[in-house]
Protein backbone atom coordinates (compact mmCIF):
# COMPACT_ATOMS: atom_id res chain seq x y z
CA MET A 1 0.16 -0.08 0.10
CA SER A 2 1.27 3.49 -1.09
CA ALA A 3 2.57 5.60 2.00
CA PHE A 4 0.29 8.11 0.70
CA ALA A 5 -2.84 6.19 0.90
CA ASN A 6 -6.03 8.03 2.57
CA ARG A 7 -4.04 11.28 3.00
CA VAL A 8 -6.14 14.04 1.84
CA VAL A 9 -4.85 16.80 -0.67
CA VAL A 10 -6.51 20.28 -1.82
CA VAL A 11 -5.82 21.18 -5.33
CA THR A 12 -7.13 24.19 -6.81
CA GLY A 13 -7.18 24.95 -10.58
CA ALA A 14 -7.95 21.29 -10.89
CA SER A 15 -10.48 21.56 -13.71
CA SER A 16 -7.45 21.43 -16.38
CA GLY A 17 -3.80 21.22 -17.05
CA ILE A 18 -1.32 21.24 -14.29
CA GLY A 19 -4.16 20.94 -11.39
CA ALA A 20 -5.87 18.03 -13.20
CA ALA A 21 -2.86 16.07 -14.08
CA THR A 22 -1.77 16.32 -10.12
CA ALA A 23 -5.10 15.34 -9.16
CA ARG A 24 -5.24 12.26 -11.09
CA ALA A 25 -1.68 11.48 -9.99
CA CYS A 26 -2.43 12.05 -6.30
CA ALA A 27 -5.15 9.65 -6.87
CA ALA A 28 -3.42 7.06 -8.48
CA SER A 29 -0.93 7.18 -5.51
CA GLY A 30 -3.62 6.88 -3.19
CA MET A 31 -4.54 9.92 -1.98
CA ARG A 32 -8.00 11.26 -1.35
CA VAL A 33 -8.48 14.55 -3.74
CA VAL A 34 -10.51 17.84 -2.95
CA LEU A 35 -10.79 19.18 -6.45
CA VAL A 36 -11.40 22.96 -6.72
CA ALA A 37 -12.17 25.20 -9.70
CA ARG A 38 -15.05 27.31 -11.06
CA ARG A 39 -16.16 24.67 -13.98
CA ALA A 40 -18.23 22.11 -12.15
CA ASP A 41 -18.59 20.15 -15.35
CA ARG A 42 -14.97 19.60 -16.07
CA LEU A 43 -14.37 19.09 -12.20
CA ARG A 44 -16.74 16.24 -12.35
CA LYS A 45 -14.86 14.76 -15.02
CA VAL A 46 -11.48 15.02 -13.58
CA ALA A 47 -13.50 13.27 -10.25
CA ASP A 48 -14.43 10.52 -12.23
CA ALA A 49 -10.74 10.19 -13.74
CA CYS A 50 -9.41 10.22 -9.92
CA GLU A 51 -11.70 7.37 -9.02
CA ASP A 52 -10.95 5.46 -12.03
CA ALA A 53 -7.37 5.85 -10.86
CA GLY A 54 -8.30 4.17 -7.85
CA GLY A 55 -8.26 6.98 -5.46
CA LYS A 56 -11.31 9.02 -4.17
CA ALA A 57 -12.40 12.72 -5.12
CA HIS A 58 -14.75 15.34 -4.15
CA ALA A 59 -15.40 18.56 -6.33
CA LEU A 60 -16.12 21.92 -5.19
CA ALA A 61 -16.96 24.40 -7.84
CA ILE A 62 -15.88 27.64 -6.26
CA ASP A 63 -14.09 31.06 -7.24
CA VAL A 64 -10.98 30.79 -5.26
CA ALA A 65 -10.80 34.95 -5.07
CA ALA A 66 -14.04 34.85 -3.52
CA ALA A 67 -14.29 36.35 -0.12
CA GLY A 68 -14.18 33.45 2.53
CA ALA A 69 -13.32 31.08 -0.15
CA SER A 70 -10.02 29.59 1.59
CA GLU A 71 -12.19 28.71 4.71
CA GLU A 72 -15.05 27.12 2.48
CA ILE A 73 -12.70 25.25 0.65
CA LEU A 74 -10.72 23.81 3.90
CA ALA A 75 -14.36 23.17 5.60
CA HIS A 76 -15.53 21.13 2.41
CA ALA A 77 -12.46 18.97 2.55
CA VAL A 78 -12.84 18.21 6.21
CA SER A 79 -16.33 17.63 5.44
CA ALA A 80 -15.56 14.99 2.89
CA PHE A 81 -12.53 13.25 4.41
CA GLY A 82 -11.99 14.39 7.85
CA ARG A 83 -8.92 16.20 7.37
CA VAL A 84 -6.34 18.18 5.35
CA ASP A 85 -2.99 16.93 4.73
CA VAL A 86 -1.43 18.91 1.86
CA VAL A 87 -2.58 21.87 -0.12
CA PHE A 88 -1.63 22.30 -3.84
CA ALA A 89 -2.48 26.00 -4.66
CA ASN A 90 -2.47 25.96 -8.26
CA ALA A 91 -5.28 28.20 -9.56
CA GLY A 92 -4.20 31.11 -11.84
CA TYR A 93 -4.08 32.50 -15.26
CA GLY A 94 -2.24 34.89 -17.21
CA THR A 95 -2.90 37.29 -20.25
CA ARG A 96 -0.45 38.55 -22.81
CA ALA A 97 -0.31 42.30 -22.35
CA GLY A 98 2.18 45.17 -21.80
CA LEU A 99 2.22 46.40 -18.20
CA ILE A 100 1.20 49.86 -19.10
CA ASP A 101 -1.77 48.44 -21.18
CA MET A 102 -3.18 46.54 -18.51
CA SER A 103 -6.18 48.12 -16.60
CA GLU A 104 -5.62 48.45 -13.06
CA ARG A 105 -9.16 46.34 -12.22
CA ASP A 106 -7.22 43.61 -14.65
CA LEU A 107 -4.07 43.49 -12.97
CA ARG A 108 -5.39 43.52 -9.68
CA ALA A 109 -7.59 40.96 -10.50
CA MET A 110 -4.83 38.71 -11.47
CA PHE A 111 -3.19 38.96 -8.19
CA ASP A 112 -6.30 38.52 -6.50
CA VAL A 113 -6.61 35.02 -8.23
CA ASN A 114 -3.03 34.19 -8.53
CA PHE A 115 -1.33 35.53 -5.45
CA PHE A 116 -3.64 36.60 -2.79
CA ALA A 117 -6.06 33.62 -3.20
CA ALA A 118 -3.15 31.23 -2.95
CA LEU A 119 -1.60 32.61 -0.14
CA SER A 120 -5.03 32.90 1.68
CA LEU A 121 -5.56 29.25 1.36
CA CYS A 122 -2.07 28.51 2.37
CA ARG A 123 -2.25 30.71 5.73
CA ALA A 124 -5.66 29.33 6.69
CA ALA A 125 -4.45 25.89 6.47
CA ALA A 126 -1.34 26.38 8.11
CA ARG A 127 -3.35 27.96 11.15
CA ARG A 128 -5.73 25.13 11.29
CA TRP A 129 -2.47 22.55 11.38
CA ILE A 130 -0.91 24.71 14.01
CA ALA A 131 -4.03 24.80 16.26
CA ALA A 132 -4.46 21.09 16.05
CA GLY A 133 -0.56 20.15 16.40
CA GLN A 134 -0.61 18.54 12.93
CA PRO A 135 2.12 18.69 10.30
CA GLY A 136 1.24 19.55 6.83
CA HIS A 137 2.62 20.55 3.65
CA LEU A 138 1.91 23.83 1.53
CA ILE A 139 2.38 23.93 -2.20
CA MET A 140 2.20 26.68 -4.60
CA SER A 141 2.26 26.48 -8.36
CA SER A 142 4.74 29.13 -9.27
CA SER A 143 6.75 29.21 -12.49
CA CYS A 144 10.07 29.36 -13.80
CA ILE A 145 9.33 32.94 -14.82
CA GLY A 146 8.51 33.72 -11.28
CA LYS A 147 12.57 33.80 -11.04
CA PHE A 148 13.06 35.94 -14.19
CA PRO A 149 10.43 38.04 -16.29
CA LEU A 150 9.14 37.85 -19.89
CA ALA A 151 8.18 41.04 -22.01
CA TYR A 152 4.33 41.37 -22.29
CA HIS A 153 3.86 38.92 -19.45
CA GLY A 154 5.11 41.19 -16.78
CA ALA A 155 2.01 40.88 -14.55
CA TYR A 156 1.75 37.33 -14.71
CA CYS A 157 5.46 37.18 -13.88
CA ALA A 158 5.13 39.28 -10.94
CA THR A 159 2.19 37.19 -9.39
CA LYS A 160 4.57 34.06 -9.67
CA ALA A 161 7.47 35.75 -8.21
CA SER A 162 5.22 37.06 -5.38
CA GLN A 163 4.32 33.34 -4.63
CA ALA A 164 7.82 32.24 -4.94
CA MET A 165 9.14 34.75 -2.40
CA ALA A 166 5.92 34.30 0.01
CA CYS A 167 6.77 30.35 0.10
CA ALA A 168 10.59 30.95 1.00
CA ALA A 169 9.57 33.08 3.77
CA LEU A 170 6.63 30.72 5.03
CA ARG A 171 8.95 27.76 4.67
CA ALA A 172 11.43 29.49 7.38
CA GLU A 173 8.33 30.34 9.33
CA LEU A 174 6.61 27.50 9.53
CA GLN A 175 9.37 24.83 9.85
CA SER A 176 9.20 24.65 13.67
CA HIS A 177 5.40 23.58 13.59
CA ARG A 178 6.38 20.64 11.19
CA ILE A 179 4.95 22.31 8.32
CA ALA A 180 6.71 21.95 4.75
CA VAL A 181 6.52 24.87 2.05
CA SER A 182 7.14 24.17 -1.55
CA SER A 183 7.26 26.17 -4.71
CA VAL A 184 6.99 24.59 -8.12
CA HIS A 185 8.57 26.50 -11.12
CA PRO A 186 7.77 24.48 -14.29
CA ILE A 187 8.57 25.71 -18.00
CA THR A 188 6.22 26.02 -20.88
CA THR A 189 3.71 23.54 -20.23
CA LYS A 190 0.99 21.93 -22.89
CA THR A 191 -2.14 23.29 -21.42
CA GLU A 192 -4.87 25.58 -22.05
CA PHE A 193 -3.13 28.45 -20.29
CA PHE A 194 -2.13 30.09 -23.59
CA VAL A 195 -5.25 29.65 -25.54
CA GLU A 196 -7.04 31.26 -22.42
CA SER A 197 -4.12 33.87 -22.22
CA ASP A 198 -4.44 34.94 -25.64
CA ARG A 199 -8.67 35.15 -25.41
CA ARG A 200 -8.00 37.37 -22.49
CA SER A 201 -5.60 39.69 -24.61
CA GLY A 202 -8.08 40.02 -27.47
CA ALA A 203 -5.57 38.05 -29.81
CA GLY A 204 -8.61 36.13 -31.08
CA ASP A 205 -10.01 32.32 -31.06
CA SER A 206 -6.41 30.74 -30.58
CA THR A 207 -5.90 27.04 -30.15
CA THR A 208 -2.09 27.07 -29.72
CA GLU A 209 -1.29 25.28 -26.46
CA VAL A 210 2.30 26.68 -26.77
CA PRO A 211 3.78 29.79 -28.13
CA ASP A 212 4.93 29.64 -31.78
CA HIS A 213 8.54 30.56 -30.68
CA ALA A 214 8.85 27.90 -27.75
CA PRO A 215 11.43 25.35 -28.81
CA SER A 216 10.36 21.67 -28.36
CA PHE A 217 13.00 21.11 -25.78
CA LEU A 218 11.34 23.53 -23.13
CA VAL A 219 7.92 22.34 -23.48
CA GLN A 220 6.60 19.55 -21.33
CA SER A 221 3.20 17.96 -20.50
CA PRO A 222 1.33 18.46 -17.47
CA GLU A 223 1.62 14.96 -16.29
CA ARG A 224 5.46 15.42 -16.05
CA VAL A 225 4.84 18.59 -13.77
CA ALA A 226 2.60 16.42 -11.66
CA ALA A 227 4.68 13.74 -11.32
CA ALA A 228 7.28 16.09 -9.92
CA VAL A 229 4.80 17.44 -7.67
CA VAL A 230 3.77 14.14 -6.10
CA ARG A 231 7.42 13.60 -5.60
CA CYS A 232 7.64 16.68 -3.60
CA MET A 233 4.72 15.44 -1.45
CA HIS A 234 6.82 12.32 -0.77
CA ARG A 235 9.76 14.04 0.14
CA PRO A 236 9.43 17.96 0.67
CA VAL A 237 11.76 20.38 -0.97
CA PRO A 238 11.85 23.99 -1.15
CA GLU A 239 11.86 24.57 -4.66
CA VAL A 240 10.38 21.95 -7.56
CA TRP A 241 11.88 22.62 -10.88
CA THR A 242 10.92 20.44 -14.13
CA SER A 243 14.04 21.41 -16.24
CA SER A 244 17.45 21.72 -14.73
CA LEU A 245 18.43 23.57 -17.89
CA VAL A 246 16.01 26.45 -17.11
CA ARG A 247 16.81 26.60 -13.38
CA LEU A 248 20.50 27.09 -14.46
CA SER A 249 19.49 29.85 -16.44
CA ALA A 250 17.72 31.45 -13.88
CA ALA A 251 20.76 31.31 -11.85
CA LEU A 252 22.58 33.05 -14.69
CA PHE A 253 20.23 35.62 -15.16
CA THR A 254 20.49 36.40 -11.37
CA ALA A 255 24.43 36.42 -11.37
CA TRP A 256 24.75 38.41 -14.82
CA PRO A 257 21.64 40.59 -15.38
CA TRP A 258 22.94 42.02 -18.67
CA LEU A 259 22.36 38.43 -20.02
CA LEU A 260 18.89 38.52 -18.86
CA HIS A 261 18.07 41.91 -20.67
CA GLN A 262 19.85 40.62 -23.93
CA VAL A 263 17.47 37.72 -23.99
CA LEU A 264 14.43 40.02 -23.16
CA ASP A 265 15.22 42.45 -25.49
CA ARG A 266 14.93 39.54 -28.22
CA GLN A 267 11.94 38.01 -26.80
CA ALA A 268 10.09 41.28 -26.95
CA VAL A 269 11.12 41.45 -30.69
CA MET A 270 9.43 37.81 -31.09
CA GLU A 271 6.23 39.28 -29.56
CA ARG A 272 5.90 42.19 -31.57
CA ASP A 273 6.53 40.34 -34.88
CA GLN A 274 4.01 37.81 -33.62
CA ASP A 275 1.40 40.97 -33.09
CA GLU A 276 2.41 42.07 -36.67
CA ARG A 277 1.74 38.70 -38.16
CA ARG A 278 -1.61 38.24 -36.76
CA LEU A 279 -2.75 41.68 -37.49
CA ARG A 280 -2.06 41.03 -41.23
CA ALA A 281 -3.80 37.38 -40.93
CA ASP A 282 -6.68 39.28 -39.58
CA SER A 283 -6.72 41.73 -42.39
CA ALA A 284 -6.52 39.21 -45.15
CA LYS A 285 -9.42 37.30 -43.90
CA ARG A 286 -11.61 40.44 -43.79
């Protein structure tokens, strides 16, 4: 029997992508999974997949950024399974837009979902564990670009950098309570993230799961990220990286900022070229 049999994990953003893949992987390892997202129909399908994998799952359709959502999520988990052992705060979204072009409302909304909702859920879980004298594990789904930015994705990068910094501080603050804290730093992953990002930025009805300029060796499946997250649940580490090459790149960018800015300048040009190609294609259709 798995060492994780009957442990309870809460996964937000569980209706697709990394969240859904992680939920299925947790279920396959014997964990009981609480699935959290807004889309009830998709959550039901993921719950069925978890149970087909041999686990147990309960779904809660809720906006993680809504007032009182964190306590409602944890209360639901306790009601369904009696306890919570692990929280994987994965819900989040991005948009492709320049920082000066985003409205204040849109910028704050992204921080509300990506950062404040994740931190709220982790804080609420930690307080419950401390009060009960129970160990636990908090995990936030950050990103490799939480360590270095990309042009026209600055808002998303900022939310992910905030997650990474919060996790590092929480880990130090909570270690005496036997609460582990980890941040996850995936690279480009084949999910609907970029489809939704294009939709939010007004780039049309894109079906592209990865950017046109992303090299294949820097693209991975959500299942690869999920496997890394489950390994971290078994043996907690402060940071989970799914690409040694990108982790090394992040270290080099920190050591030599001029190198980062050279890469950023080139990436910004590619983004602008992509915009021009889209505009020409739209004009040709009209």
